[in-house]
Amino acid sequence: MKWWLAAAGFAAALWWSCTRPITMPSDLPDHTDKLVHAASWAVLTLLLAQGGVRRGWPRLVVIGGAALLALGYGGLVEWAQSHVPGRDASLADLVADAIGAVAGAAAALYGSRRHADRP
């Protein structure tokens, strides 16, 4: 339960930060936001996956479902951004979200296997 609460809180923080109008130009290098997207969606996928894995649900189903759920949430965030002044929906951002979700799923799979191997 605590993993899903953490995932919900993280998702809410993502929503809040991604749906705010941008009022100042960024001094960050180009495409830095793609790294932030990938890292954020990897964390979201990990949190979602841990919620199911810790309950003893089938590991592959839970991890795959977590990645799909995170990616769906990424699509929802992109859609919402298309309605926010100064923001735009971007296929590149959604691809970065997908890469992050896959990376998070891979990390969850690796971590759950390591945990399962312990006596």
PDB file of N, CA and C in Angstrom:
ATOM      1  N   MET A   1       0.812  -1.192   0.000  1.00  0.00           N
ATOM      2  CA  MET A   1       0.000   0.000   0.000  1.00  0.00           C
ATOM      3  C   MET A   1       0.860   1.261   0.000  1.00  0.00           C
ATOM      4  N   LYS A   2       1.955   1.239   0.773  1.00  0.00           N
ATOM      5  CA  LYS A   2       2.797   2.430   0.848  1.00  0.00           C
ATOM      6  C   LYS A   2       3.440   2.743  -0.505  1.00  0.00           C
ATOM      7  N   TRP A   3       3.714   1.710  -1.306  1.00  0.00           N
ATOM      8  CA  TRP A   3       4.299   1.940  -2.628  1.00  0.00           C
ATOM      9  C   TRP A   3       3.307   2.650  -3.538  1.00  0.00           C
ATOM     10  N   TRP A   4       2.037   2.238  -3.460  1.00  0.00           N
ATOM     11  CA  TRP A   4       1.025   2.877  -4.301  1.00  0.00           C
ATOM     12  C   TRP A   4       0.723   4.295  -3.829  1.00  0.00           C
ATOM     13  N   LEU A   5       0.796   4.522  -2.539  1.00  0.00           N
ATOM     14  CA  LEU A   5       0.639   5.890  -2.037  1.00  0.00           C
ATOM     15  C   LEU A   5       1.788   6.769  -2.520  1.00  0.00           C
ATOM     16  N   ALA A   6       2.985   6.210  -2.500  1.00  0.00           N
ATOM     17  CA  ALA A   6       4.142   6.944  -3.016  1.00  0.00           C
ATOM     18  C   ALA A   6       3.972   7.211  -4.514  1.00  0.00           C
ATOM     19  N   ALA A   7       3.483   6.212  -5.259  1.00  0.00           N
ATOM     20  CA  ALA A   7       3.253   6.386  -6.701  1.00  0.00           C
ATOM     21  C   ALA A   7       2.203   7.459  -6.943  1.00  0.00           C
ATOM     22  N   ALA A   8       1.127   7.443  -6.171  1.00  0.00           N
ATOM     23  CA  ALA A   8       0.067   8.446  -6.331  1.00  0.00           C
ATOM     24  C   ALA A   8       0.593   9.843  -6.014  1.00  0.00           C
ATOM     25  N   GLY A   9       1.380   9.960  -4.960  1.00  0.00           N
ATOM     26  CA  GLY A   9       1.967  11.257  -4.613  1.00  0.00           C
ATOM     27  C   GLY A   9       2.927  11.750  -5.683  1.00  0.00           C
ATOM     28  N   PHE A  10       3.728  10.826  -6.208  1.00  0.00           N
ATOM     29  CA  PHE A  10       4.674  11.192  -7.260  1.00  0.00           C
ATOM     30  C   PHE A  10       3.930  11.594  -8.530  1.00  0.00           C
ATOM     31  N   ALA A  11       2.885  10.840  -8.869  1.00  0.00           N
ATOM     32  CA  ALA A  11       2.075  11.172 -10.045  1.00  0.00           C
ATOM     33  C   ALA A  11       1.423  12.545  -9.879  1.00  0.00           C
ATOM     34  N   ALA A  12       0.955  12.842  -8.680  1.00  0.00           N
ATOM     35  CA  ALA A  12       0.349  14.151  -8.422  1.00  0.00           C
ATOM     36  C   ALA A  12       1.389  15.261  -8.568  1.00  0.00           C
ATOM     37  N   ALA A  13       2.588  15.023  -8.079  1.00  0.00           N
ATOM     38  CA  ALA A  13       3.654  16.014  -8.217  1.00  0.00           C
ATOM     39  C   ALA A  13       4.018  16.213  -9.689  1.00  0.00           C
ATOM     40  N   LEU A  14       4.055  15.126 -10.451  1.00  0.00           N
ATOM     41  CA  LEU A  14       4.309  15.245 -11.889  1.00  0.00           C
ATOM     42  C   LEU A  14       3.217  16.067 -12.557  1.00  0.00           C
ATOM     43  N   TRP A  15       1.966  15.754 -12.226  1.00  0.00           N
ATOM     44  CA  TRP A  15       0.849  16.485 -12.821  1.00  0.00           C
ATOM     45  C   TRP A  15       0.961  17.975 -12.514  1.00  0.00           C
ATOM     46  N   TRP A  16       1.209  18.284 -11.251  1.00  0.00           N
ATOM     47  CA  TRP A  16       1.304  19.681 -10.844  1.00  0.00           C
ATOM     48  C   TRP A  16       2.427  20.381 -11.604  1.00  0.00           C
ATOM     49  N   SER A  17       3.607  19.768 -11.665  1.00  0.00           N
ATOM     50  CA  SER A  17       4.743  20.429 -12.307  1.00  0.00           C
ATOM     51  C   SER A  17       4.597  20.500 -13.824  1.00  0.00           C
ATOM     52  N   CYS A  18       3.922  19.534 -14.412  1.00  0.00           N
ATOM     53  CA  CYS A  18       3.802  19.489 -15.875  1.00  0.00           C
ATOM     54  C   CYS A  18       2.641  20.313 -16.411  1.00  0.00           C
ATOM     55  N   THR A  19       1.733  20.730 -15.564  1.00  0.00           N
ATOM     56  CA  THR A  19       0.577  21.474 -16.052  1.00  0.00           C
ATOM     57  C   THR A  19       0.590  22.939 -15.610  1.00  0.00           C
ATOM     58  N   ARG A  20       1.724  23.402 -15.159  1.00  0.00           N
ATOM     59  CA  ARG A  20       1.901  24.809 -14.813  1.00  0.00           C
ATOM     60  C   ARG A  20       2.383  25.549 -16.058  1.00  0.00           C
ATOM     61  N   PRO A  21       1.881  26.754 -16.284  1.00  0.00           N
ATOM     62  CA  PRO A  21       2.406  27.545 -17.405  1.00  0.00           C
ATOM     63  C   PRO A  21       3.891  27.852 -17.202  1.00  0.00           C
ATOM     64  N   ILE A  22       4.627  27.860 -18.281  1.00  0.00           N
ATOM     65  CA  ILE A  22       6.043  28.223 -18.217  1.00  0.00           C
ATOM     66  C   ILE A  22       6.119  29.732 -18.384  1.00  0.00           C
ATOM     67  N   THR A  23       6.698  30.402 -17.399  1.00  0.00           N
ATOM     68  CA  THR A  23       6.725  31.864 -17.431  1.00  0.00           C
ATOM     69  C   THR A  23       8.117  32.404 -17.749  1.00  0.00           C
ATOM     70  N   MET A  24       9.142  31.580 -17.598  1.00  0.00           N
ATOM     71  CA  MET A  24      10.505  32.045 -17.843  1.00  0.00           C
ATOM     72  C   MET A  24      11.206  31.080 -18.794  1.00  0.00           C
ATOM     73  N   PRO A  25      12.076  31.606 -19.653  1.00  0.00           N
ATOM     74  CA  PRO A  25      12.844  30.699 -20.507  1.00  0.00           C
ATOM     75  C   PRO A  25      13.856  29.914 -19.669  1.00  0.00           C
ATOM     76  N   SER A  26      14.176  28.732 -20.126  1.00  0.00           N
ATOM     77  CA  SER A  26      15.113  27.871 -19.406  1.00  0.00           C
ATOM     78  C   SER A  26      16.524  28.066 -19.929  1.00  0.00           C
ATOM     79  N   ASP A  27      17.487  28.028 -19.017  1.00  0.00           N
ATOM     80  CA  ASP A  27      18.894  28.116 -19.399  1.00  0.00           C
ATOM     81  C   ASP A  27      19.505  26.731 -19.571  1.00  0.00           C
ATOM     82  N   LEU A  28      18.698  25.699 -19.445  1.00  0.00           N
ATOM     83  CA  LEU A  28      19.206  24.338 -19.568  1.00  0.00           C
ATOM     84  C   LEU A  28      19.509  24.012 -21.017  1.00  0.00           C
ATOM     85  N   PRO A  29      20.469  23.118 -21.258  1.00  0.00           N
ATOM     86  CA  PRO A  29      20.767  22.712 -22.634  1.00  0.00           C
ATOM     87  C   PRO A  29      19.535  22.080 -23.297  1.00  0.00           C
ATOM     88  N   ASP A  30      19.491  22.157 -24.625  1.00  0.00           N
ATOM     89  CA  ASP A  30      18.391  21.559 -25.378  1.00  0.00           C
ATOM     90  C   ASP A  30      18.230  20.083 -25.036  1.00  0.00           C
ATOM     91  N   HIS A  31      17.013  19.652 -25.010  1.00  0.00           N
ATOM     92  CA  HIS A  31      16.620  18.257 -24.793  1.00  0.00           C
ATOM     93  C   HIS A  31      16.902  17.738 -23.383  1.00  0.00           C
ATOM     94  N   THR A  32      17.305  18.602 -22.467  1.00  0.00           N
ATOM     95  CA  THR A  32      17.475  18.180 -21.079  1.00  0.00           C
ATOM     96  C   THR A  32      16.153  17.701 -20.508  1.00  0.00           C
ATOM     97  N   ASP A  33      15.072  18.300 -20.967  1.00  0.00           N
ATOM     98  CA  ASP A  33      13.750  17.907 -20.474  1.00  0.00           C
ATOM     99  C   ASP A  33      13.443  16.451 -20.795  1.00  0.00           C
ATOM    100  N   LYS A  34      14.028  15.920 -21.857  1.00  0.00           N
ATOM    101  CA  LYS A  34      13.794  14.510 -22.217  1.00  0.00           C
ATOM    102  C   LYS A  34      14.401  13.587 -21.157  1.00  0.00           C
ATOM    103  N   LEU A  35      15.540  13.960 -20.618  1.00  0.00           N
ATOM    104  CA  LEU A  35      16.154  13.182 -19.534  1.00  0.00           C
ATOM    105  C   LEU A  35      15.293  13.231 -18.282  1.00  0.00           C
ATOM    106  N   VAL A  36      14.726  14.400 -18.014  1.00  0.00           N
ATOM    107  CA  VAL A  36      13.844  14.538 -16.855  1.00  0.00           C
ATOM    108  C   VAL A  36      12.593  13.688 -17.049  1.00  0.00           C
ATOM    109  N   HIS A  37      12.035  13.718 -18.253  1.00  0.00           N
ATOM    110  CA  HIS A  37      10.869  12.880 -18.550  1.00  0.00           C
ATOM    111  C   HIS A  37      11.207  11.407 -18.328  1.00  0.00           C
ATOM    112  N   ALA A  38      12.292  10.940 -18.928  1.00  0.00           N
ATOM    113  CA  ALA A  38      12.656   9.523 -18.817  1.00  0.00           C
ATOM    114  C   ALA A  38      12.878   9.130 -17.363  1.00  0.00           C
ATOM    115  N   ALA A  39      13.606   9.936 -16.619  1.00  0.00           N
ATOM    116  CA  ALA A  39      13.868   9.614 -15.217  1.00  0.00           C
ATOM    117  C   ALA A  39      12.579   9.615 -14.400  1.00  0.00           C
ATOM    118  N   SER A  40      11.712  10.577 -14.642  1.00  0.00           N
ATOM    119  CA  SER A  40      10.464  10.670 -13.889  1.00  0.00           C
ATOM    120  C   SER A  40       9.572   9.461 -14.143  1.00  0.00           C
ATOM    121  N   TRP A  41       9.452   9.067 -15.409  1.00  0.00           N
ATOM    122  CA  TRP A  41       8.567   7.940 -15.714  1.00  0.00           C
ATOM    123  C   TRP A  41       9.197   6.608 -15.312  1.00  0.00           C
ATOM    124  N   ALA A  42      10.515   6.550 -15.211  1.00  0.00           N
ATOM    125  CA  ALA A  42      11.158   5.352 -14.664  1.00  0.00           C
ATOM    126  C   ALA A  42      10.817   5.217 -13.181  1.00  0.00           C
ATOM    127  N   VAL A  43      10.884   6.313 -12.453  1.00  0.00           N
ATOM    128  CA  VAL A  43      10.546   6.286 -11.023  1.00  0.00           C
ATOM    129  C   VAL A  43       9.080   5.918 -10.831  1.00  0.00           C
ATOM    130  N   LEU A  44       8.198   6.521 -11.627  1.00  0.00           N
ATOM    131  CA  LEU A  44       6.777   6.217 -11.510  1.00  0.00           C
ATOM    132  C   LEU A  44       6.516   4.732 -11.770  1.00  0.00           C
ATOM    133  N   THR A  45       7.140   4.183 -12.791  1.00  0.00           N
ATOM    134  CA  THR A  45       6.975   2.758 -13.098  1.00  0.00           C
ATOM    135  C   THR A  45       7.495   1.890 -11.959  1.00  0.00           C
ATOM    136  N   LEU A  46       8.643   2.231 -11.417  1.00  0.00           N
ATOM    137  CA  LEU A  46       9.197   1.468 -10.288  1.00  0.00           C
ATOM    138  C   LEU A  46       8.261   1.479  -9.088  1.00  0.00           C
ATOM    139  N   LEU A  47       7.729   2.634  -8.759  1.00  0.00           N
ATOM    140  CA  LEU A  47       6.824   2.727  -7.607  1.00  0.00           C
ATOM    141  C   LEU A  47       5.562   1.903  -7.830  1.00  0.00           C
ATOM    142  N   LEU A  48       4.981   2.007  -9.024  1.00  0.00           N
ATOM    143  CA  LEU A  48       3.781   1.222  -9.335  1.00  0.00           C
ATOM    144  C   LEU A  48       4.072  -0.275  -9.286  1.00  0.00           C
ATOM    145  N   ALA A  49       5.197  -0.667  -9.868  1.00  0.00           N
ATOM    146  CA  ALA A  49       5.553  -2.090  -9.911  1.00  0.00           C
ATOM    147  C   ALA A  49       5.784  -2.643  -8.510  1.00  0.00           C
ATOM    148  N   GLN A  50       6.459  -1.882  -7.683  1.00  0.00           N
ATOM    149  CA  GLN A  50       6.738  -2.365  -6.330  1.00  0.00           C
ATOM    150  C   GLN A  50       5.458  -2.595  -5.546  1.00  0.00           C
ATOM    151  N   GLY A  51       4.462  -1.765  -5.795  1.00  0.00           N
ATOM    152  CA  GLY A  51       3.183  -1.952  -5.119  1.00  0.00           C
ATOM    153  C   GLY A  51       2.591  -3.329  -5.369  1.00  0.00           C
ATOM    154  N   GLY A  52       2.646  -3.785  -6.608  1.00  0.00           N
ATOM    155  CA  GLY A  52       2.100  -5.100  -6.944  1.00  0.00           C
ATOM    156  C   GLY A  52       3.015  -6.248  -6.586  1.00  0.00           C
ATOM    157  N   VAL A  53       4.314  -6.072  -6.837  1.00  0.00           N
ATOM    158  CA  VAL A  53       5.277  -7.143  -6.546  1.00  0.00           C
ATOM    159  C   VAL A  53       5.295  -7.447  -5.057  1.00  0.00           C
ATOM    160  N   ARG A  54       5.254  -6.409  -4.226  1.00  0.00           N
ATOM    161  CA  ARG A  54       5.283  -6.610  -2.770  1.00  0.00           C
ATOM    162  C   ARG A  54       4.028  -7.310  -2.254  1.00  0.00           C
ATOM    163  N   ARG A  55       2.941  -7.243  -3.019  1.00  0.00           N
ATOM    164  CA  ARG A  55       1.712  -7.946  -2.633  1.00  0.00           C
ATOM    165  C   ARG A  55       1.729  -9.396  -3.096  1.00  0.00           C
ATOM    166  N   GLY A  56       2.775  -9.774  -3.836  1.00  0.00           N
ATOM    167  CA  GLY A  56       2.895 -11.154  -4.288  1.00  0.00           C
ATOM    168  C   GLY A  56       2.179 -11.441  -5.598  1.00  0.00           C
ATOM    169  N   TRP A  57       1.792 -10.411  -6.311  1.00  0.00           N
ATOM    170  CA  TRP A  57       1.120 -10.609  -7.587  1.00  0.00           C
ATOM    171  C   TRP A  57       2.142 -11.074  -8.633  1.00  0.00           C
ATOM    172  N   PRO A  58       1.695 -11.669  -9.724  1.00  0.00           N
ATOM    173  CA  PRO A  58       2.642 -12.171 -10.746  1.00  0.00           C
ATOM    174  C   PRO A  58       3.567 -11.060 -11.248  1.00  0.00           C
ATOM    175  N   ARG A  59       4.845 -11.286 -11.070  1.00  0.00           N
ATOM    176  CA  ARG A  59       5.866 -10.265 -11.310  1.00  0.00           C
ATOM    177  C   ARG A  59       5.806  -9.673 -12.724  1.00  0.00           C
ATOM    178  N   LEU A  60       5.796 -10.506 -13.748  1.00  0.00           N
ATOM    179  CA  LEU A  60       5.830  -9.990 -15.115  1.00  0.00           C
ATOM    180  C   LEU A  60       4.566  -9.207 -15.468  1.00  0.00           C
ATOM    181  N   VAL A  61       3.438  -9.690 -15.002  1.00  0.00           N
ATOM    182  CA  VAL A  61       2.169  -9.002 -15.271  1.00  0.00           C
ATOM    183  C   VAL A  61       2.157  -7.644 -14.580  1.00  0.00           C
ATOM    184  N   VAL A  62       2.583  -7.612 -13.340  1.00  0.00           N
ATOM    185  CA  VAL A  62       2.587  -6.365 -12.566  1.00  0.00           C
ATOM    186  C   VAL A  62       3.548  -5.355 -13.177  1.00  0.00           C
ATOM    187  N   ILE A  63       4.736  -5.795 -13.509  1.00  0.00           N
ATOM    188  CA  ILE A  63       5.739  -4.869 -14.039  1.00  0.00           C
ATOM    189  C   ILE A  63       5.325  -4.358 -15.415  1.00  0.00           C
ATOM    190  N   GLY A  64       4.821  -5.244 -16.263  1.00  0.00           N
ATOM    191  CA  GLY A  64       4.333  -4.809 -17.568  1.00  0.00           C
ATOM    192  C   GLY A  64       3.158  -3.861 -17.442  1.00  0.00           C
ATOM    193  N   GLY A  65       2.250  -4.190 -16.534  1.00  0.00           N
ATOM    194  CA  GLY A  65       1.103  -3.311 -16.296  1.00  0.00           C
ATOM    195  C   GLY A  65       1.524  -1.958 -15.758  1.00  0.00           C
ATOM    196  N   ALA A  66       2.522  -1.947 -14.896  1.00  0.00           N
ATOM    197  CA  ALA A  66       3.014  -0.680 -14.342  1.00  0.00           C
ATOM    198  C   ALA A  66       3.590   0.202 -15.450  1.00  0.00           C
ATOM    199  N   ALA A  67       4.338  -0.407 -16.361  1.00  0.00           N
ATOM    200  CA  ALA A  67       4.916   0.352 -17.475  1.00  0.00           C
ATOM    201  C   ALA A  67       3.813   0.909 -18.375  1.00  0.00           C
ATOM    202  N   LEU A  68       2.809   0.094 -18.669  1.00  0.00           N
ATOM    203  CA  LEU A  68       1.705   0.565 -19.513  1.00  0.00           C
ATOM    204  C   LEU A  68       0.898   1.668 -18.822  1.00  0.00           C
ATOM    205  N   LEU A  69       0.669   1.502 -17.537  1.00  0.00           N
ATOM    206  CA  LEU A  69      -0.064   2.522 -16.783  1.00  0.00           C
ATOM    207  C   LEU A  69       0.714   3.840 -16.758  1.00  0.00           C
ATOM    208  N   ALA A  70       2.014   3.748 -16.531  1.00  0.00           N
ATOM    209  CA  ALA A  70       2.844   4.951 -16.520  1.00  0.00           C
ATOM    210  C   ALA A  70       2.835   5.618 -17.893  1.00  0.00           C
ATOM    211  N   LEU A  71       2.918   4.829 -18.948  1.00  0.00           N
ATOM    212  CA  LEU A  71       2.913   5.405 -20.283  1.00  0.00           C
ATOM    213  C   LEU A  71       1.562   6.053 -20.596  1.00  0.00           C
ATOM    214  N   GLY A  72       0.481   5.413 -20.188  1.00  0.00           N
ATOM    215  CA  GLY A  72      -0.831   6.024 -20.358  1.00  0.00           C
ATOM    216  C   GLY A  72      -0.931   7.346 -19.625  1.00  0.00           C
ATOM    217  N   TYR A  73      -0.356   7.396 -18.436  1.00  0.00           N
ATOM    218  CA  TYR A  73      -0.347   8.637 -17.667  1.00  0.00           C
ATOM    219  C   TYR A  73       0.480   9.697 -18.393  1.00  0.00           C
ATOM    220  N   GLY A  74       1.573   9.269 -19.024  1.00  0.00           N
ATOM    221  CA  GLY A  74       2.372  10.200 -19.810  1.00  0.00           C
ATOM    222  C   GLY A  74       1.566  10.805 -20.946  1.00  0.00           C
ATOM    223  N   GLY A  75       0.761   9.977 -21.608  1.00  0.00           N
ATOM    224  CA  GLY A  75      -0.106  10.488 -22.665  1.00  0.00           C
ATOM    225  C   GLY A  75      -1.120  11.486 -22.137  1.00  0.00           C
ATOM    226  N   LEU A  76      -1.675  11.195 -20.978  1.00  0.00           N
ATOM    227  CA  LEU A  76      -2.635  12.103 -20.351  1.00  0.00           C
ATOM    228  C   LEU A  76      -1.975  13.442 -20.002  1.00  0.00           C
ATOM    229  N   VAL A  77      -0.769  13.384 -19.479  1.00  0.00           N
ATOM    230  CA  VAL A  77      -0.037  14.608 -19.143  1.00  0.00           C
ATOM    231  C   VAL A  77       0.247  15.419 -20.410  1.00  0.00           C
ATOM    232  N   GLU A  78       0.667  14.748 -21.480  1.00  0.00           N
ATOM    233  CA  GLU A  78       0.924  15.463 -22.734  1.00  0.00           C
ATOM    234  C   GLU A  78      -0.350  16.120 -23.254  1.00  0.00           C
ATOM    235  N   TRP A  79      -1.465  15.409 -23.180  1.00  0.00           N
ATOM    236  CA  TRP A  79      -2.734  15.985 -23.607  1.00  0.00           C
ATOM    237  C   TRP A  79      -3.060  17.226 -22.762  1.00  0.00           C
ATOM    238  N   ALA A  80      -2.885  17.125 -21.454  1.00  0.00           N
ATOM    239  CA  ALA A  80      -3.174  18.264 -20.575  1.00  0.00           C
ATOM    240  C   ALA A  80      -2.262  19.443 -20.904  1.00  0.00           C
ATOM    241  N   GLN A  81      -0.994  19.151 -21.202  1.00  0.00           N
ATOM    242  CA  GLN A  81      -0.063  20.230 -21.524  1.00  0.00           C
ATOM    243  C   GLN A  81      -0.472  20.978 -22.792  1.00  0.00           C
ATOM    244  N   SER A  82      -1.163  20.306 -23.686  1.00  0.00           N
ATOM    245  CA  SER A  82      -1.576  20.966 -24.926  1.00  0.00           C
ATOM    246  C   SER A  82      -2.602  22.060 -24.659  1.00  0.00           C
ATOM    247  N   HIS A  83      -3.160  22.077 -23.466  1.00  0.00           N
ATOM    248  CA  HIS A  83      -4.160  23.080 -23.093  1.00  0.00           C
ATOM    249  C   HIS A  83      -3.604  24.138 -22.130  1.00  0.00           C
ATOM    250  N   VAL A  84      -2.316  24.095 -21.842  1.00  0.00           N
ATOM    251  CA  VAL A  84      -1.706  25.023 -20.881  1.00  0.00           C
ATOM    252  C   VAL A  84      -0.884  26.065 -21.643  1.00  0.00           C
ATOM    253  N   PRO A  85      -1.120  27.351 -21.367  1.00  0.00           N
ATOM    254  CA  PRO A  85      -0.342  28.394 -22.042  1.00  0.00           C
ATOM    255  C   PRO A  85       1.166  28.217 -21.823  1.00  0.00           C
ATOM    256  N   GLY A  86       1.922  28.305 -22.892  1.00  0.00           N
ATOM    257  CA  GLY A  86       3.373  28.169 -22.815  1.00  0.00           C
ATOM    258  C   GLY A  86       3.867  26.737 -22.868  1.00  0.00           C
ATOM    259  N   ARG A  87       2.947  25.788 -22.877  1.00  0.00           N
ATOM    260  CA  ARG A  87       3.305  24.364 -22.961  1.00  0.00           C
ATOM    261  C   ARG A  87       2.817  23.808 -24.280  1.00  0.00           C
ATOM    262  N   ASP A  88       3.377  22.682 -24.671  1.00  0.00           N
ATOM    263  CA  ASP A  88       2.882  22.011 -25.865  1.00  0.00           C
ATOM    264  C   ASP A  88       2.996  20.508 -25.673  1.00  0.00           C
ATOM    265  N   ALA A  89       2.140  19.809 -26.378  1.00  0.00           N
ATOM    266  CA  ALA A  89       2.205  18.348 -26.370  1.00  0.00           C
ATOM    267  C   ALA A  89       3.286  17.934 -27.357  1.00  0.00           C
ATOM    268  N   SER A  90       4.058  16.940 -27.000  1.00  0.00           N
ATOM    269  CA  SER A  90       5.187  16.554 -27.834  1.00  0.00           C
ATOM    270  C   SER A  90       5.296  15.032 -27.905  1.00  0.00           C
ATOM    271  N   LEU A  91       5.389  14.535 -29.123  1.00  0.00           N
ATOM    272  CA  LEU A  91       5.624  13.106 -29.312  1.00  0.00           C
ATOM    273  C   LEU A  91       6.992  12.721 -28.742  1.00  0.00           C
ATOM    274  N   ALA A  92       7.962  13.620 -28.857  1.00  0.00           N
ATOM    275  CA  ALA A  92       9.297  13.350 -28.309  1.00  0.00           C
ATOM    276  C   ALA A  92       9.239  13.174 -26.788  1.00  0.00           C
ATOM    277  N   ASP A  93       8.409  13.964 -26.119  1.00  0.00           N
ATOM    278  CA  ASP A  93       8.252  13.805 -24.670  1.00  0.00           C
ATOM    279  C   ASP A  93       7.607  12.454 -24.350  1.00  0.00           C
ATOM    280  N   LEU A  94       6.623  12.064 -25.147  1.00  0.00           N
ATOM    281  CA  LEU A  94       5.966  10.777 -24.923  1.00  0.00           C
ATOM    282  C   LEU A  94       6.933   9.619 -25.171  1.00  0.00           C
ATOM    283  N   VAL A  95       7.804   9.759 -26.149  1.00  0.00           N
ATOM    284  CA  VAL A  95       8.836   8.737 -26.398  1.00  0.00           C
ATOM    285  C   VAL A  95       9.791   8.680 -25.208  1.00  0.00           C
ATOM    286  N   ALA A  96      10.168   9.827 -24.678  1.00  0.00           N
ATOM    287  CA  ALA A  96      11.034   9.853 -23.491  1.00  0.00           C
ATOM    288  C   ALA A  96      10.339   9.190 -22.308  1.00  0.00           C
ATOM    289  N   ASP A  97       9.029   9.427 -22.161  1.00  0.00           N
ATOM    290  CA  ASP A  97       8.256   8.769 -21.110  1.00  0.00           C
ATOM    291  C   ASP A  97       8.293   7.248 -21.297  1.00  0.00           C
ATOM    292  N   ALA A  98       8.131   6.804 -22.539  1.00  0.00           N
ATOM    293  CA  ALA A  98       8.139   5.364 -22.833  1.00  0.00           C
ATOM    294  C   ALA A  98       9.500   4.750 -22.531  1.00  0.00           C
ATOM    295  N   ILE A  99      10.554   5.440 -22.890  1.00  0.00           N
ATOM    296  CA  ILE A  99      11.908   4.945 -22.590  1.00  0.00           C
ATOM    297  C   ILE A  99      12.089   4.845 -21.077  1.00  0.00           C
ATOM    298  N   GLY A 100      11.629   5.841 -20.357  1.00  0.00           N
ATOM    299  CA  GLY A 100      11.715   5.804 -18.899  1.00  0.00           C
ATOM    300  C   GLY A 100      10.893   4.677 -18.310  1.00  0.00           C
ATOM    301  N   ALA A 101       9.682   4.461 -18.842  1.00  0.00           N
ATOM    302  CA  ALA A 101       8.830   3.377 -18.335  1.00  0.00           C
ATOM    303  C   ALA A 101       9.487   2.017 -18.571  1.00  0.00           C
ATOM    304  N   VAL A 102      10.088   1.836 -19.731  1.00  0.00           N
ATOM    305  CA  VAL A 102      10.782   0.572 -20.021  1.00  0.00           C
ATOM    306  C   VAL A 102      11.987   0.410 -19.096  1.00  0.00           C
ATOM    307  N   ALA A 103      12.735   1.489 -18.890  1.00  0.00           N
ATOM    308  CA  ALA A 103      13.886   1.423 -17.980  1.00  0.00           C
ATOM    309  C   ALA A 103      13.437   1.117 -16.553  1.00  0.00           C
ATOM    310  N   GLY A 104      12.345   1.745 -16.127  1.00  0.00           N
ATOM    311  CA  GLY A 104      11.818   1.462 -14.795  1.00  0.00           C
ATOM    312  C   GLY A 104      11.340   0.030 -14.666  1.00  0.00           C
ATOM    313  N   ALA A 105      10.716  -0.489 -15.717  1.00  0.00           N
ATOM    314  CA  ALA A 105      10.268  -1.883 -15.707  1.00  0.00           C
ATOM    315  C   ALA A 105      11.458  -2.831 -15.641  1.00  0.00           C
ATOM    316  N   ALA A 106      12.497  -2.519 -16.401  1.00  0.00           N
ATOM    317  CA  ALA A 106      13.701  -3.363 -16.371  1.00  0.00           C
ATOM    318  C   ALA A 106      14.340  -3.342 -14.978  1.00  0.00           C
ATOM    319  N   ALA A 107      14.392  -2.174 -14.379  1.00  0.00           N
ATOM    320  CA  ALA A 107      14.954  -2.073 -13.027  1.00  0.00           C
ATOM    321  C   ALA A 107      14.088  -2.827 -12.025  1.00  0.00           C
ATOM    322  N   ALA A 108      12.769  -2.729 -12.164  1.00  0.00           N
ATOM    323  CA  ALA A 108      11.870  -3.453 -11.256  1.00  0.00           C
ATOM    324  C   ALA A 108      12.023  -4.956 -11.434  1.00  0.00           C
ATOM    325  N   LEU A 109      12.154  -5.391 -12.672  1.00  0.00           N
ATOM    326  CA  LEU A 109      12.330  -6.824 -12.940  1.00  0.00           C
ATOM    327  C   LEU A 109      13.636  -7.324 -12.348  1.00  0.00           C
ATOM    328  N   TYR A 110      14.699  -6.580 -12.557  1.00  0.00           N
ATOM    329  CA  TYR A 110      15.996  -6.959 -12.004  1.00  0.00           C
ATOM    330  C   TYR A 110      15.950  -6.964 -10.479  1.00  0.00           C
ATOM    331  N   GLY A 111      15.363  -5.929  -9.898  1.00  0.00           N
ATOM    332  CA  GLY A 111      15.289  -5.836  -8.439  1.00  0.00           C
ATOM    333  C   GLY A 111      14.425  -6.921  -7.839  1.00  0.00           C
ATOM    334  N   SER A 112      13.312  -7.247  -8.496  1.00  0.00           N
ATOM    335  CA  SER A 112      12.432  -8.275  -7.939  1.00  0.00           C
ATOM    336  C   SER A 112      13.077  -9.656  -8.054  1.00  0.00           C
ATOM    337  N   ARG A 113      13.867  -9.873  -9.090  1.00  0.00           N
ATOM    338  CA  ARG A 113      14.582 -11.160  -9.201  1.00  0.00           C
ATOM    339  C   ARG A 113      15.652 -11.273  -8.134  1.00  0.00           C
ATOM    340  N   ARG A 114      16.375 -10.190  -7.896  1.00  0.00           N
ATOM    341  CA  ARG A 114      17.401 -10.214  -6.844  1.00  0.00           C
ATOM    342  C   ARG A 114      16.765 -10.466  -5.495  1.00  0.00           C
ATOM    343  N   HIS A 115      15.633  -9.824  -5.249  1.00  0.00           N
ATOM    344  CA  HIS A 115      14.936  -9.983  -3.975  1.00  0.00           C
ATOM    345  C   HIS A 115      14.417 -11.408  -3.822  1.00  0.00           C
ATOM    346  N   ALA A 116      13.951 -11.990  -4.914  1.00  0.00           N
ATOM    347  CA  ALA A 116      13.416 -13.357  -4.858  1.00  0.00           C
ATOM    348  C   ALA A 116      14.508 -14.386  -4.622  1.00  0.00           C
ATOM    349  N   ASP A 117      15.752 -14.064  -5.011  1.00  0.00           N
ATOM    350  CA  ASP A 117      16.852 -15.004  -4.853  1.00  0.00           C
ATOM    351  C   ASP A 117      17.381 -15.064  -3.425  1.00  0.00           C
ATOM    352  N   ARG A 118      16.974 -14.124  -2.578  1.00  0.00           N
ATOM    353  CA  ARG A 118      17.455 -14.112  -1.194  1.00  0.00           C
ATOM    354  C   ARG A 118      16.802 -15.220  -0.390  1.00  0.00           C
ATOM    355  N   PRO A 119      17.562 -15.811   0.519  1.00  0.00           N
ATOM    356  CA  PRO A 119      16.973 -16.872   1.349  1.00  0.00           C
ATOM    357  C   PRO A 119      15.984 -16.349   2.360  1.00  0.00           C
TER     358      PRO A 119
END
